[in-house]
Amino acid sequence: MLKKFFIIECLTNMHVGTGSTSGGTIDLEVQRDETTGFPAIYASSLKGALREHFEQHVYAGSRNKVEEMFGDQNAKGKLRILQAMMLGRPVRCQERPWVLVTMKEVLEEFVDLYARLNGTKDTSGNTCPKDLRDFLDTKDKPQNNGQSQKVNIEGELASQPLLKGASWIKWLFDTEEIVVLEKEQCRIFREMPVIARNHLENGLSKNLWYEEFVPHKSRFFFAVLAEESDKAILEDFAEKVQLMPVQIGANATVGYGYTRIKELKLTNDPEKSCSGEEGTNA
């Protein structure tokens, strides 16, 4: 089984809804993982958005290509799209406009998913970075090489200092620094902003509702699987999906849901091997 990992970066705010309400004050909620409660994009929603993108922008007029990848009513597609999990999100910060935050449990989920899909190393010798594994394996709280700087986020002091300089941060988040929250501050990672929306008729308010959304600059990760015999199709998907922004979720006409999808290329450098074993050339 072949696999590729991808990072979704939200270029604009995004609302991928559940189609229902919990009965609370929020009328339209975002999709969430049933286990963690963290924002997610269900596999069916993500596959639908990707299919629409390829139909309209990549293989317009070539229905066979799209159906080969994603299937139709009579046959399954060659690609298996997995649920996208939130990897990081921006939060307001006193020392700067915003800072990206994640959680150790979220990073562990990413590494665990990679390992469970096809073992710690795939057939090409590719692995996740060793420094990420080392960071997750450390028993002590994350330190910052003597350059720790705690920041105030969402009106309170972050439980961990700003982490800078680690190569896995650049590799995974495409940024230079991040805050890794402790469990007691998981609500900061879990809770999403809410906006009031209004339907007007002849200038009069007819329907006021509250909609939850994922803020722009948030990151998700997901995997795509394919059989060895379908390697060319998987490679084609990976190349084409990165060419232009992909719209995911509702409210496209008001700029919601525009994302950049980037393949997360894993390293076969033995010095950075997650397993600590020697890598092999692809």
C-alpha atoms as a PDB file:
ATOM      1  CA  MET A   1       0.000   0.000   0.000  1.00  0.00           C
ATOM      2  CA  LEU A   2       1.325   3.416  -0.990  1.00  0.00           C
ATOM      3  CA  LYS A   3       0.636   6.538   1.035  1.00  0.00           C
ATOM      4  CA  LYS A   4       1.252  10.240   0.850  1.00  0.00           C
ATOM      5  CA  PHE A   5       0.724  12.827   3.573  1.00  0.00           C
ATOM      6  CA  PHE A   6      -0.527  16.328   2.895  1.00  0.00           C
ATOM      7  CA  ILE A   7      -0.823  19.553   4.860  1.00  0.00           C
ATOM      8  CA  ILE A   8      -3.836  21.820   4.379  1.00  0.00           C
ATOM      9  CA  GLU A   9      -3.149  25.472   5.172  1.00  0.00           C
ATOM     10  CA  CYS A  10      -6.231  27.662   5.441  1.00  0.00           C
ATOM     11  CA  LEU A  11      -5.718  30.794   3.342  1.00  0.00           C
ATOM     12  CA  THR A  12      -9.118  32.128   4.431  1.00  0.00           C
ATOM     13  CA  ASN A  13     -11.535  31.240   7.217  1.00  0.00           C
ATOM     14  CA  MET A  14     -13.191  27.863   6.680  1.00  0.00           C
ATOM     15  CA  HIS A  15     -16.511  26.323   7.662  1.00  0.00           C
ATOM     16  CA  VAL A  16     -16.965  22.623   6.991  1.00  0.00           C
ATOM     17  CA  GLY A  17     -20.170  21.972   8.856  1.00  0.00           C
ATOM     18  CA  THR A  18     -21.908  18.974  10.351  1.00  0.00           C
ATOM     19  CA  GLY A  19     -25.286  19.855   8.882  1.00  0.00           C
ATOM     20  CA  SER A  20     -26.801  19.846  12.358  1.00  0.00           C
ATOM     21  CA  THR A  21     -26.730  21.708  15.652  1.00  0.00           C
ATOM     22  CA  SER A  22     -26.026  20.460  19.155  1.00  0.00           C
ATOM     23  CA  GLY A  23     -28.867  22.519  20.533  1.00  0.00           C
ATOM     24  CA  GLY A  24     -26.536  25.067  22.112  1.00  0.00           C
ATOM     25  CA  THR A  25     -25.946  28.698  21.247  1.00  0.00           C
ATOM     26  CA  ILE A  26     -24.024  27.847  18.039  1.00  0.00           C
ATOM     27  CA  ASP A  27     -26.357  27.106  15.148  1.00  0.00           C
ATOM     28  CA  LEU A  28     -23.780  25.879  12.636  1.00  0.00           C
ATOM     29  CA  GLU A  29     -20.836  23.972  14.085  1.00  0.00           C
ATOM     30  CA  VAL A  30     -17.661  22.779  12.385  1.00  0.00           C
ATOM     31  CA  GLN A  31     -16.878  19.107  11.982  1.00  0.00           C
ATOM     32  CA  ARG A  32     -14.954  17.572  14.867  1.00  0.00           C
ATOM     33  CA  ASP A  33     -13.172  14.329  15.570  1.00  0.00           C
ATOM     34  CA  GLU A  34     -15.440  12.125  17.667  1.00  0.00           C
ATOM     35  CA  THR A  35     -12.628  11.068  20.003  1.00  0.00           C
ATOM     36  CA  THR A  36     -10.728  14.298  20.706  1.00  0.00           C
ATOM     37  CA  GLY A  37     -13.343  16.918  19.923  1.00  0.00           C
ATOM     38  CA  PHE A  38     -10.736  18.785  17.880  1.00  0.00           C
ATOM     39  CA  PRO A  39     -11.794  20.282  14.517  1.00  0.00           C
ATOM     40  CA  ALA A  40     -11.535  17.886  11.590  1.00  0.00           C
ATOM     41  CA  ILE A  41     -12.621  17.518   7.977  1.00  0.00           C
ATOM     42  CA  TYR A  42     -14.468  14.260   7.527  1.00  0.00           C
ATOM     43  CA  ALA A  43     -13.170  12.036   4.759  1.00  0.00           C
ATOM     44  CA  SER A  44     -16.420  12.278   2.792  1.00  0.00           C
ATOM     45  CA  SER A  45     -16.365  16.097   2.894  1.00  0.00           C
ATOM     46  CA  LEU A  46     -12.697  16.276   1.936  1.00  0.00           C
ATOM     47  CA  LYS A  47     -13.105  13.772  -0.886  1.00  0.00           C
ATOM     48  CA  GLY A  48     -16.101  15.716  -2.197  1.00  0.00           C
ATOM     49  CA  ALA A  49     -14.163  18.995  -2.186  1.00  0.00           C
ATOM     50  CA  LEU A  50     -11.170  17.399  -3.905  1.00  0.00           C
ATOM     51  CA  ARG A  51     -13.374  15.742  -6.509  1.00  0.00           C
ATOM     52  CA  GLU A  52     -15.106  19.038  -7.284  1.00  0.00           C
ATOM     53  CA  HIS A  53     -11.729  20.786  -7.554  1.00  0.00           C
ATOM     54  CA  PHE A  54     -10.413  18.206 -10.036  1.00  0.00           C
ATOM     55  CA  GLU A  55     -13.661  18.271 -12.024  1.00  0.00           C
ATOM     56  CA  GLN A  56     -13.673  22.053 -12.361  1.00  0.00           C
ATOM     57  CA  HIS A  57     -10.021  23.055 -12.436  1.00  0.00           C
ATOM     58  CA  VAL A  58      -7.773  20.104 -13.235  1.00  0.00           C
ATOM     59  CA  TYR A  59      -9.599  17.683 -15.513  1.00  0.00           C
ATOM     60  CA  ALA A  60     -12.521  19.768 -16.762  1.00  0.00           C
ATOM     61  CA  GLY A  61     -14.086  17.820 -19.608  1.00  0.00           C
ATOM     62  CA  SER A  62     -12.218  14.624 -18.721  1.00  0.00           C
ATOM     63  CA  ARG A  63     -14.719  12.717 -16.622  1.00  0.00           C
ATOM     64  CA  ASN A  64     -12.826   9.433 -16.891  1.00  0.00           C
ATOM     65  CA  LYS A  65      -9.755  10.861 -15.144  1.00  0.00           C
ATOM     66  CA  VAL A  66     -11.831  12.141 -12.236  1.00  0.00           C
ATOM     67  CA  GLU A  67     -13.759   8.902 -11.866  1.00  0.00           C
ATOM     68  CA  GLU A  68     -10.538   6.923 -11.969  1.00  0.00           C
ATOM     69  CA  MET A  69      -9.293   8.852  -8.945  1.00  0.00           C
ATOM     70  CA  PHE A  70     -12.480   9.283  -6.951  1.00  0.00           C
ATOM     71  CA  GLY A  71     -14.902   6.679  -8.317  1.00  0.00           C
ATOM     72  CA  ASP A  72     -18.536   6.928  -9.376  1.00  0.00           C
ATOM     73  CA  GLN A  73     -21.859   5.299  -8.498  1.00  0.00           C
ATOM     74  CA  ASN A  74     -20.775   1.981  -9.963  1.00  0.00           C
ATOM     75  CA  ALA A  75     -17.116   1.666  -8.978  1.00  0.00           C
ATOM     76  CA  LYS A  76     -14.694   2.776  -6.278  1.00  0.00           C
ATOM     77  CA  GLY A  77     -11.930   5.210  -7.078  1.00  0.00           C
ATOM     78  CA  LYS A  78      -8.267   4.303  -6.938  1.00  0.00           C
ATOM     79  CA  LEU A  79      -7.521   6.759  -4.123  1.00  0.00           C
ATOM     80  CA  ARG A  80      -8.454   6.388  -0.444  1.00  0.00           C
ATOM     81  CA  ILE A  81      -8.867   9.789   1.205  1.00  0.00           C
ATOM     82  CA  LEU A  82      -8.572   9.795   4.998  1.00  0.00           C
ATOM     83  CA  GLN A  83     -10.037  12.281   7.451  1.00  0.00           C
ATOM     84  CA  ALA A  84      -8.073  15.508   7.898  1.00  0.00           C
ATOM     85  CA  MET A  85      -7.110  16.306  11.486  1.00  0.00           C
ATOM     86  CA  MET A  86      -6.275  19.745  12.833  1.00  0.00           C
ATOM     87  CA  LEU A  87      -2.536  20.123  13.298  1.00  0.00           C
ATOM     88  CA  GLY A  88      -2.211  23.735  14.419  1.00  0.00           C
ATOM     89  CA  ARG A  89      -4.200  26.941  14.719  1.00  0.00           C
ATOM     90  CA  PRO A  90      -3.436  30.638  15.205  1.00  0.00           C
ATOM     91  CA  VAL A  91      -4.419  32.370  18.439  1.00  0.00           C
ATOM     92  CA  ARG A  92      -4.255  36.002  19.491  1.00  0.00           C
ATOM     93  CA  CYS A  93      -1.100  36.913  21.338  1.00  0.00           C
ATOM     94  CA  GLN A  94      -0.220  39.884  23.549  1.00  0.00           C
ATOM     95  CA  GLU A  95       3.398  40.101  22.364  1.00  0.00           C
ATOM     96  CA  ARG A  96       2.479  39.922  18.645  1.00  0.00           C
ATOM     97  CA  PRO A  97      -0.702  39.789  16.583  1.00  0.00           C
ATOM     98  CA  TRP A  98      -0.900  35.988  16.641  1.00  0.00           C
ATOM     99  CA  VAL A  99       1.070  32.804  17.218  1.00  0.00           C
ATOM    100  CA  LEU A 100       0.579  29.264  15.935  1.00  0.00           C
ATOM    101  CA  VAL A 101      -0.225  26.659  18.598  1.00  0.00           C
ATOM    102  CA  THR A 102      -0.446  22.873  18.629  1.00  0.00           C
ATOM    103  CA  MET A 103      -0.495  20.116  21.249  1.00  0.00           C
ATOM    104  CA  LYS A 104       1.860  17.253  21.955  1.00  0.00           C
ATOM    105  CA  GLU A 105      -1.064  14.836  21.684  1.00  0.00           C
ATOM    106  CA  VAL A 106      -1.815  16.138  18.184  1.00  0.00           C
ATOM    107  CA  LEU A 107       1.802  15.632  17.098  1.00  0.00           C
ATOM    108  CA  GLU A 108       1.704  12.117  18.544  1.00  0.00           C
ATOM    109  CA  GLU A 109      -1.475  11.431  16.568  1.00  0.00           C
ATOM    110  CA  PHE A 110       0.324  12.432  13.362  1.00  0.00           C
ATOM    111  CA  VAL A 111       3.368  10.236  14.034  1.00  0.00           C
ATOM    112  CA  ASP A 112       1.188   7.341  15.160  1.00  0.00           C
ATOM    113  CA  LEU A 113      -0.961   7.518  12.030  1.00  0.00           C
ATOM    114  CA  TYR A 114       2.122   7.423   9.825  1.00  0.00           C
ATOM    115  CA  ALA A 115       3.546   4.443  11.694  1.00  0.00           C
ATOM    116  CA  ARG A 116       0.273   2.507  11.737  1.00  0.00           C
ATOM    117  CA  LEU A 117      -0.445   2.971   8.050  1.00  0.00           C
ATOM    118  CA  ASN A 118       2.673   1.287   6.785  1.00  0.00           C
ATOM    119  CA  GLY A 119       5.207   0.781   9.533  1.00  0.00           C
ATOM    120  CA  THR A 120       7.760   3.275  10.779  1.00  0.00           C
ATOM    121  CA  LYS A 121       9.500   3.178   7.402  1.00  0.00           C
ATOM    122  CA  ASP A 122       7.881   2.811   4.016  1.00  0.00           C
ATOM    123  CA  THR A 123       9.245   0.853   1.077  1.00  0.00           C
ATOM    124  CA  SER A 124      11.364   3.821  -0.026  1.00  0.00           C
ATOM    125  CA  GLY A 125      13.004   4.184   3.384  1.00  0.00           C
ATOM    126  CA  ASN A 126      11.132   7.425   4.060  1.00  0.00           C
ATOM    127  CA  THR A 127      10.552   8.320   7.709  1.00  0.00           C
ATOM    128  CA  CYS A 128       9.315  11.187   9.836  1.00  0.00           C
ATOM    129  CA  PRO A 129      12.111  13.399  11.238  1.00  0.00           C
ATOM    130  CA  LYS A 130      14.076  12.040  14.159  1.00  0.00           C
ATOM    131  CA  ASP A 131      14.006  15.356  16.002  1.00  0.00           C
ATOM    132  CA  LEU A 132      10.198  15.222  16.047  1.00  0.00           C
ATOM    133  CA  ARG A 133      10.280  11.723  17.506  1.00  0.00           C
ATOM    134  CA  ASP A 134      12.889  12.829  20.040  1.00  0.00           C
ATOM    135  CA  PHE A 135      10.730  15.789  21.021  1.00  0.00           C
ATOM    136  CA  LEU A 136       7.722  13.537  21.617  1.00  0.00           C
ATOM    137  CA  ASP A 137       9.749  10.943  23.492  1.00  0.00           C
ATOM    138  CA  THR A 138      11.258  13.409  25.956  1.00  0.00           C
ATOM    139  CA  LYS A 139       9.889  13.018  29.465  1.00  0.00           C
ATOM    140  CA  ASP A 140      10.671  16.581  30.483  1.00  0.00           C
ATOM    141  CA  LYS A 141       8.628  19.570  29.479  1.00  0.00           C
ATOM    142  CA  PRO A 142       9.674  21.134  26.169  1.00  0.00           C
ATOM    143  CA  GLN A 143      12.596  23.520  26.549  1.00  0.00           C
ATOM    144  CA  ASN A 144      14.006  26.029  24.126  1.00  0.00           C
ATOM    145  CA  ASN A 145      17.778  25.810  24.439  1.00  0.00           C
ATOM    146  CA  GLY A 146      17.900  28.510  27.081  1.00  0.00           C
ATOM    147  CA  GLN A 147      15.994  30.949  24.876  1.00  0.00           C
ATOM    148  CA  SER A 148      12.526  30.274  26.257  1.00  0.00           C
ATOM    149  CA  GLN A 149       9.958  33.019  25.978  1.00  0.00           C
ATOM    150  CA  LYS A 150       6.505  32.518  27.395  1.00  0.00           C
ATOM    151  CA  VAL A 151       3.761  34.416  25.620  1.00  0.00           C
ATOM    152  CA  ASN A 152       0.260  35.510  26.586  1.00  0.00           C
ATOM    153  CA  ILE A 153      -2.391  33.871  24.425  1.00  0.00           C
ATOM    154  CA  GLU A 154      -6.126  34.352  24.614  1.00  0.00           C
ATOM    155  CA  GLY A 155      -5.699  36.431  27.770  1.00  0.00           C
ATOM    156  CA  GLU A 156      -3.573  33.952  29.724  1.00  0.00           C
ATOM    157  CA  LEU A 157       0.051  32.848  29.934  1.00  0.00           C
ATOM    158  CA  ALA A 158       0.834  29.904  27.647  1.00  0.00           C
ATOM    159  CA  SER A 159       1.672  26.746  29.567  1.00  0.00           C
ATOM    160  CA  GLN A 160       4.850  26.279  27.503  1.00  0.00           C
ATOM    161  CA  PRO A 161       7.353  28.735  26.036  1.00  0.00           C
ATOM    162  CA  LEU A 162       7.616  29.632  22.378  1.00  0.00           C
ATOM    163  CA  LEU A 163       9.554  26.854  20.669  1.00  0.00           C
ATOM    164  CA  LYS A 164      11.993  28.001  17.992  1.00  0.00           C
ATOM    165  CA  GLY A 165      14.582  26.596  15.655  1.00  0.00           C
ATOM    166  CA  ALA A 166      13.631  22.913  15.495  1.00  0.00           C
ATOM    167  CA  SER A 167      13.749  21.562  11.954  1.00  0.00           C
ATOM    168  CA  TRP A 168      10.518  19.599  12.440  1.00  0.00           C
ATOM    169  CA  ILE A 169       8.597  22.846  13.016  1.00  0.00           C
ATOM    170  CA  LYS A 170       9.635  24.155   9.609  1.00  0.00           C
ATOM    171  CA  TRP A 171       9.018  20.750   8.009  1.00  0.00           C
ATOM    172  CA  LEU A 172       5.556  20.253   9.463  1.00  0.00           C
ATOM    173  CA  PHE A 173       4.181  23.791   9.831  1.00  0.00           C
ATOM    174  CA  ASP A 174       6.256  25.797   7.335  1.00  0.00           C
ATOM    175  CA  THR A 175       7.026  28.325  10.050  1.00  0.00           C
ATOM    176  CA  GLU A 176       9.944  28.992  12.406  1.00  0.00           C
ATOM    177  CA  GLU A 177       8.231  28.935  15.805  1.00  0.00           C
ATOM    178  CA  ILE A 178       5.253  27.476  17.597  1.00  0.00           C
ATOM    179  CA  VAL A 179       3.734  27.013  21.059  1.00  0.00           C
ATOM    180  CA  VAL A 180       3.053  23.436  22.161  1.00  0.00           C
ATOM    181  CA  LEU A 181       0.206  23.642  24.665  1.00  0.00           C
ATOM    182  CA  GLU A 182      -0.172  21.423  27.713  1.00  0.00           C
ATOM    183  CA  LYS A 183      -3.353  19.421  28.327  1.00  0.00           C
ATOM    184  CA  GLU A 184      -4.794  21.975  30.733  1.00  0.00           C
ATOM    185  CA  GLN A 185      -5.007  24.485  27.893  1.00  0.00           C
ATOM    186  CA  CYS A 186      -6.510  22.151  25.304  1.00  0.00           C
ATOM    187  CA  ARG A 187      -9.674  24.285  25.193  1.00  0.00           C
ATOM    188  CA  ILE A 188      -7.616  27.003  23.461  1.00  0.00           C
ATOM    189  CA  PHE A 189      -6.839  24.512  20.726  1.00  0.00           C
ATOM    190  CA  ARG A 190     -10.341  23.020  20.648  1.00  0.00           C
ATOM    191  CA  GLU A 191     -12.595  26.091  20.764  1.00  0.00           C
ATOM    192  CA  MET A 192     -13.133  27.872  17.439  1.00  0.00           C
ATOM    193  CA  PRO A 193     -14.282  31.461  16.807  1.00  0.00           C
ATOM    194  CA  VAL A 194     -17.978  32.160  16.251  1.00  0.00           C
ATOM    195  CA  ILE A 195     -19.466  34.815  14.006  1.00  0.00           C
ATOM    196  CA  ALA A 196     -23.021  36.165  13.869  1.00  0.00           C
ATOM    197  CA  ARG A 197     -24.553  35.983  10.398  1.00  0.00           C
ATOM    198  CA  ASN A 198     -27.755  37.641   9.268  1.00  0.00           C
ATOM    199  CA  HIS A 199     -30.205  37.085   6.423  1.00  0.00           C
ATOM    200  CA  LEU A 200     -31.724  40.338   5.168  1.00  0.00           C
ATOM    201  CA  GLU A 201     -34.883  40.837   3.166  1.00  0.00           C
ATOM    202  CA  ASN A 202     -35.468  44.394   1.887  1.00  0.00           C
ATOM    203  CA  GLY A 203     -33.002  45.630   4.478  1.00  0.00           C
ATOM    204  CA  LEU A 204     -34.775  43.908   7.358  1.00  0.00           C
ATOM    205  CA  SER A 205     -33.284  41.162   9.490  1.00  0.00           C
ATOM    206  CA  LYS A 206     -35.178  37.919   8.994  1.00  0.00           C
ATOM    207  CA  ASN A 207     -32.854  35.331  10.421  1.00  0.00           C
ATOM    208  CA  LEU A 208     -29.880  35.771  12.774  1.00  0.00           C
ATOM    209  CA  TRP A 209     -27.688  32.753  13.375  1.00  0.00           C
ATOM    210  CA  TYR A 210     -24.279  31.935  14.845  1.00  0.00           C
ATOM    211  CA  GLU A 211     -21.679  30.082  12.824  1.00  0.00           C
ATOM    212  CA  GLU A 212     -18.471  28.477  14.038  1.00  0.00           C
ATOM    213  CA  PHE A 213     -15.435  28.612  11.751  1.00  0.00           C
ATOM    214  CA  VAL A 214     -11.792  27.565  11.550  1.00  0.00           C
ATOM    215  CA  PRO A 215      -9.555  30.674  11.340  1.00  0.00           C
ATOM    216  CA  HIS A 216      -7.225  31.234   8.428  1.00  0.00           C
ATOM    217  CA  LYS A 217      -3.617  30.122   8.956  1.00  0.00           C
ATOM    218  CA  SER A 218      -4.858  26.926  10.617  1.00  0.00           C
ATOM    219  CA  ARG A 219      -3.247  23.658   9.482  1.00  0.00           C
ATOM    220  CA  PHE A 220      -4.684  20.178   8.978  1.00  0.00           C
ATOM    221  CA  PHE A 221      -3.006  16.938   7.943  1.00  0.00           C
ATOM    222  CA  PHE A 222      -4.421  14.025   5.987  1.00  0.00           C
ATOM    223  CA  ALA A 223      -3.236  10.955   4.122  1.00  0.00           C
ATOM    224  CA  VAL A 224      -4.114   9.477   0.746  1.00  0.00           C
ATOM    225  CA  LEU A 225      -3.645   5.754   0.117  1.00  0.00           C
ATOM    226  CA  ALA A 226      -3.382   3.765  -3.098  1.00  0.00           C
ATOM    227  CA  GLU A 227      -2.370   0.296  -4.220  1.00  0.00           C
ATOM    228  CA  GLU A 228       1.106  -0.281  -5.641  1.00  0.00           C
ATOM    229  CA  SER A 229      -0.437  -0.771  -9.082  1.00  0.00           C
ATOM    230  CA  ASP A 230      -1.974   2.731  -8.881  1.00  0.00           C
ATOM    231  CA  LYS A 231       1.241   4.595  -8.108  1.00  0.00           C
ATOM    232  CA  ALA A 232       0.965   6.793 -11.228  1.00  0.00           C
ATOM    233  CA  ILE A 233      -2.531   7.924 -10.217  1.00  0.00           C
ATOM    234  CA  LEU A 234      -1.385   8.821  -6.697  1.00  0.00           C
ATOM    235  CA  GLU A 235       1.625  10.712  -8.070  1.00  0.00           C
ATOM    236  CA  ASP A 236      -0.610  12.581 -10.510  1.00  0.00           C
ATOM    237  CA  PHE A 237      -2.990  13.557  -7.714  1.00  0.00           C
ATOM    238  CA  ALA A 238      -0.115  14.779  -5.521  1.00  0.00           C
ATOM    239  CA  GLU A 239       1.286  16.922  -8.320  1.00  0.00           C
ATOM    240  CA  LYS A 240      -1.999  18.434  -9.469  1.00  0.00           C
ATOM    241  CA  VAL A 241      -3.527  19.171  -6.051  1.00  0.00           C
ATOM    242  CA  GLN A 242      -0.659  21.550  -5.259  1.00  0.00           C
ATOM    243  CA  LEU A 243      -1.010  23.702  -8.388  1.00  0.00           C
ATOM    244  CA  MET A 244      -3.722  26.090  -7.156  1.00  0.00           C
ATOM    245  CA  PRO A 245      -5.860  26.817  -4.082  1.00  0.00           C
ATOM    246  CA  VAL A 246      -8.533  24.232  -3.246  1.00  0.00           C
ATOM    247  CA  GLN A 247     -11.873  25.409  -1.881  1.00  0.00           C
ATOM    248  CA  ILE A 248     -13.223  23.271   0.984  1.00  0.00           C
ATOM    249  CA  GLY A 249     -16.538  23.693   2.776  1.00  0.00           C
ATOM    250  CA  ALA A 250     -19.328  26.258   2.648  1.00  0.00           C
ATOM    251  CA  ASN A 251     -19.592  29.965   1.830  1.00  0.00           C
ATOM    252  CA  ALA A 252     -17.226  29.973  -1.145  1.00  0.00           C
ATOM    253  CA  THR A 253     -18.970  33.054  -2.585  1.00  0.00           C
ATOM    254  CA  VAL A 254     -17.858  35.114   0.415  1.00  0.00           C
ATOM    255  CA  GLY A 255     -14.305  33.797   0.305  1.00  0.00           C
ATOM    256  CA  TYR A 256     -14.510  30.971   2.822  1.00  0.00           C
ATOM    257  CA  GLY A 257     -12.584  27.729   2.587  1.00  0.00           C
ATOM    258  CA  TYR A 258      -9.716  28.591   0.261  1.00  0.00           C
ATOM    259  CA  THR A 259      -6.735  26.454   1.140  1.00  0.00           C
ATOM    260  CA  ARG A 260      -3.248  25.562  -0.008  1.00  0.00           C
ATOM    261  CA  ILE A 261      -2.515  21.835  -0.037  1.00  0.00           C
ATOM    262  CA  LYS A 262       1.109  20.776   0.115  1.00  0.00           C
ATOM    263  CA  GLU A 263       2.576  17.297   0.007  1.00  0.00           C
ATOM    264  CA  LEU A 264       4.529  16.542   3.152  1.00  0.00           C
ATOM    265  CA  LYS A 265       7.578  14.862   1.747  1.00  0.00           C
ATOM    266  CA  LEU A 266       9.231  12.591   4.243  1.00  0.00           C
ATOM    267  CA  THR A 267      12.961  12.303   4.562  1.00  0.00           C
ATOM    268  CA  ASN A 268      15.177   9.305   3.815  1.00  0.00           C
ATOM    269  CA  ASP A 269      18.144  10.910   5.546  1.00  0.00           C
ATOM    270  CA  PRO A 270      19.424   8.364   8.111  1.00  0.00           C
ATOM    271  CA  GLU A 271      20.471  11.205  10.437  1.00  0.00           C
ATOM    272  CA  LYS A 272      16.841  12.320  10.619  1.00  0.00           C
ATOM    273  CA  SER A 273      15.225   8.898  10.651  1.00  0.00           C
ATOM    274  CA  CYS A 274      12.325   8.492  13.053  1.00  0.00           C
ATOM    275  CA  SER A 275      13.316   4.918  13.756  1.00  0.00           C
ATOM    276  CA  GLY A 276      16.989   5.655  14.245  1.00  0.00           C
ATOM    277  CA  GLU A 277      17.778   3.095  11.544  1.00  0.00           C
ATOM    278  CA  GLU A 278      19.641   3.774   8.345  1.00  0.00           C
ATOM    279  CA  GLY A 279      17.474   4.997   5.528  1.00  0.00           C
ATOM    280  CA  THR A 280      17.620   3.693   1.985  1.00  0.00           C
ATOM    281  CA  ASN A 281      17.625   5.635  -1.225  1.00  0.00           C
ATOM    282  CA  ALA A 282      14.284   5.969  -2.937  1.00  0.00           C
END
